[in-house]
N, C-alpha and C. Protein backbone atom coordinates (compact mmCIF):
# COMPACT_ATOMS: atom_id res chain seq x y z
N MET A 1 238.05 141.17 48.00
CA MET A 1 237.87 142.60 48.14
C MET A 1 237.51 142.91 49.61
N VAL A 2 238.15 143.91 50.16
CA VAL A 2 237.92 144.32 51.54
C VAL A 2 236.88 145.43 51.54
N LYS A 3 235.87 145.28 52.42
CA LYS A 3 234.79 146.28 52.46
C LYS A 3 234.58 146.81 53.87
N GLY A 4 234.05 148.01 53.98
CA GLY A 4 233.57 148.62 55.21
C GLY A 4 234.41 148.40 56.44
N ARG A 5 233.83 147.67 57.40
CA ARG A 5 234.48 147.42 58.68
C ARG A 5 235.77 146.66 58.53
N ASP A 6 235.82 145.71 57.56
CA ASP A 6 237.05 144.94 57.34
C ASP A 6 238.19 145.86 56.93
N PHE A 7 237.89 146.85 56.07
CA PHE A 7 238.90 147.80 55.63
C PHE A 7 239.40 148.64 56.80
N LEU A 8 238.46 149.14 57.62
CA LEU A 8 238.83 149.95 58.77
C LEU A 8 239.70 149.15 59.73
N GLN A 9 239.36 147.90 59.98
CA GLN A 9 240.15 147.05 60.87
C GLN A 9 241.54 146.80 60.27
N LEU A 10 241.62 146.61 58.97
CA LEU A 10 242.90 146.42 58.30
C LEU A 10 243.79 147.65 58.46
N VAL A 11 243.23 148.83 58.27
CA VAL A 11 243.99 150.08 58.42
C VAL A 11 244.47 150.24 59.86
N LYS A 12 243.58 149.98 60.83
CA LYS A 12 243.96 150.10 62.24
C LYS A 12 245.09 149.13 62.59
N ASN A 13 244.97 147.90 62.16
CA ASN A 13 246.01 146.91 62.45
C ASN A 13 247.33 147.27 61.80
N THR A 14 247.27 147.76 60.57
CA THR A 14 248.49 148.16 59.86
C THR A 14 249.19 149.30 60.59
N CYS A 15 248.43 150.32 60.98
CA CYS A 15 249.01 151.45 61.72
C CYS A 15 249.60 150.98 63.05
N ARG A 16 248.90 150.13 63.76
CA ARG A 16 249.36 149.64 65.06
C ARG A 16 250.70 148.91 64.91
N VAL A 17 250.82 148.06 63.91
CA VAL A 17 252.05 147.31 63.69
C VAL A 17 253.18 148.23 63.27
N LEU A 18 252.95 149.09 62.29
CA LEU A 18 254.01 149.96 61.78
C LEU A 18 254.47 150.96 62.83
N LEU A 19 253.54 151.57 63.55
CA LEU A 19 253.91 152.56 64.55
C LEU A 19 254.54 151.90 65.77
N GLY A 20 254.20 150.67 66.02
CA GLY A 20 254.76 149.95 67.17
C GLY A 20 256.18 149.47 66.95
N ARG A 21 256.65 149.49 65.73
CA ARG A 21 257.99 148.98 65.42
C ARG A 21 259.08 150.04 65.48
N GLY A 22 258.70 151.28 65.72
CA GLY A 22 259.71 152.35 65.81
C GLY A 22 260.56 152.16 67.05
N MET A 23 261.87 152.13 66.88
CA MET A 23 262.77 151.90 68.01
C MET A 23 262.96 153.17 68.83
N ASN A 24 263.35 154.25 68.20
CA ASN A 24 263.61 155.51 68.90
C ASN A 24 262.52 156.54 68.63
N ALA A 25 262.02 156.53 67.43
CA ALA A 25 260.99 157.50 67.06
C ALA A 25 260.28 157.03 65.80
N CYS A 26 259.13 157.57 65.61
CA CYS A 26 258.36 157.27 64.41
C CYS A 26 257.66 158.55 63.98
N TYR A 27 257.79 158.91 62.74
CA TYR A 27 257.19 160.12 62.22
C TYR A 27 256.12 159.74 61.20
N VAL A 28 254.99 160.39 61.30
CA VAL A 28 253.89 160.16 60.37
C VAL A 28 253.57 161.49 59.71
N TYR A 29 253.55 161.50 58.39
CA TYR A 29 253.25 162.72 57.64
C TYR A 29 251.85 162.59 57.04
N PHE A 30 251.02 163.60 57.23
CA PHE A 30 249.68 163.60 56.69
C PHE A 30 249.58 164.64 55.59
N MET A 31 248.95 164.26 54.51
CA MET A 31 248.80 165.15 53.36
C MET A 31 247.70 166.20 53.61
N ASP A 32 246.72 165.87 54.43
CA ASP A 32 245.66 166.85 54.70
C ASP A 32 245.37 166.92 56.19
N LYS A 33 244.95 168.09 56.63
CA LYS A 33 244.74 168.38 58.04
C LYS A 33 243.57 167.58 58.63
N GLU A 34 242.55 167.31 57.85
CA GLU A 34 241.40 166.57 58.37
C GLU A 34 241.81 165.16 58.80
N THR A 35 242.62 164.49 57.99
CA THR A 35 243.10 163.16 58.33
C THR A 35 244.01 163.22 59.56
N GLU A 36 244.85 164.22 59.62
CA GLU A 36 245.75 164.39 60.78
C GLU A 36 244.93 164.58 62.06
N ARG A 37 243.92 165.43 62.03
CA ARG A 37 243.08 165.66 63.20
C ARG A 37 242.37 164.38 63.63
N TYR A 38 241.86 163.63 62.66
CA TYR A 38 241.18 162.38 62.95
C TYR A 38 242.14 161.39 63.63
N PHE A 39 243.32 161.25 63.06
CA PHE A 39 244.31 160.32 63.61
C PHE A 39 244.71 160.73 65.02
N ARG A 40 244.98 162.01 65.21
CA ARG A 40 245.38 162.50 66.55
C ARG A 40 244.27 162.31 67.58
N SER A 41 243.03 162.45 67.14
CA SER A 41 241.91 162.31 68.09
C SER A 41 241.74 160.86 68.55
N ARG A 42 242.33 159.92 67.82
CA ARG A 42 242.18 158.53 68.16
C ARG A 42 243.44 157.86 68.67
N THR A 43 244.45 158.65 68.90
CA THR A 43 245.69 158.12 69.48
C THR A 43 246.02 158.90 70.73
N ARG A 44 246.82 158.31 71.57
CA ARG A 44 247.24 158.98 72.79
C ARG A 44 248.75 159.17 72.78
N LYS A 45 249.20 160.19 73.40
CA LYS A 45 250.62 160.50 73.45
C LYS A 45 251.27 159.69 74.57
N ALA A 46 252.37 159.01 74.23
CA ALA A 46 253.10 158.24 75.24
C ALA A 46 253.92 159.17 76.11
N ASN A 47 253.99 158.87 77.39
CA ASN A 47 254.75 159.70 78.32
C ASN A 47 256.16 159.17 78.47
């Protein structure tokens, strides 16, 4: 069973791998605005 910090690290690693594999573009859909705001606040836009 994954708990606390281990779960957060697992989610971060999963997002990093999946988002890093997009060749031309990658789209992420959020079901709620709070999660979207949180995600955007912790990522940077590539130039």
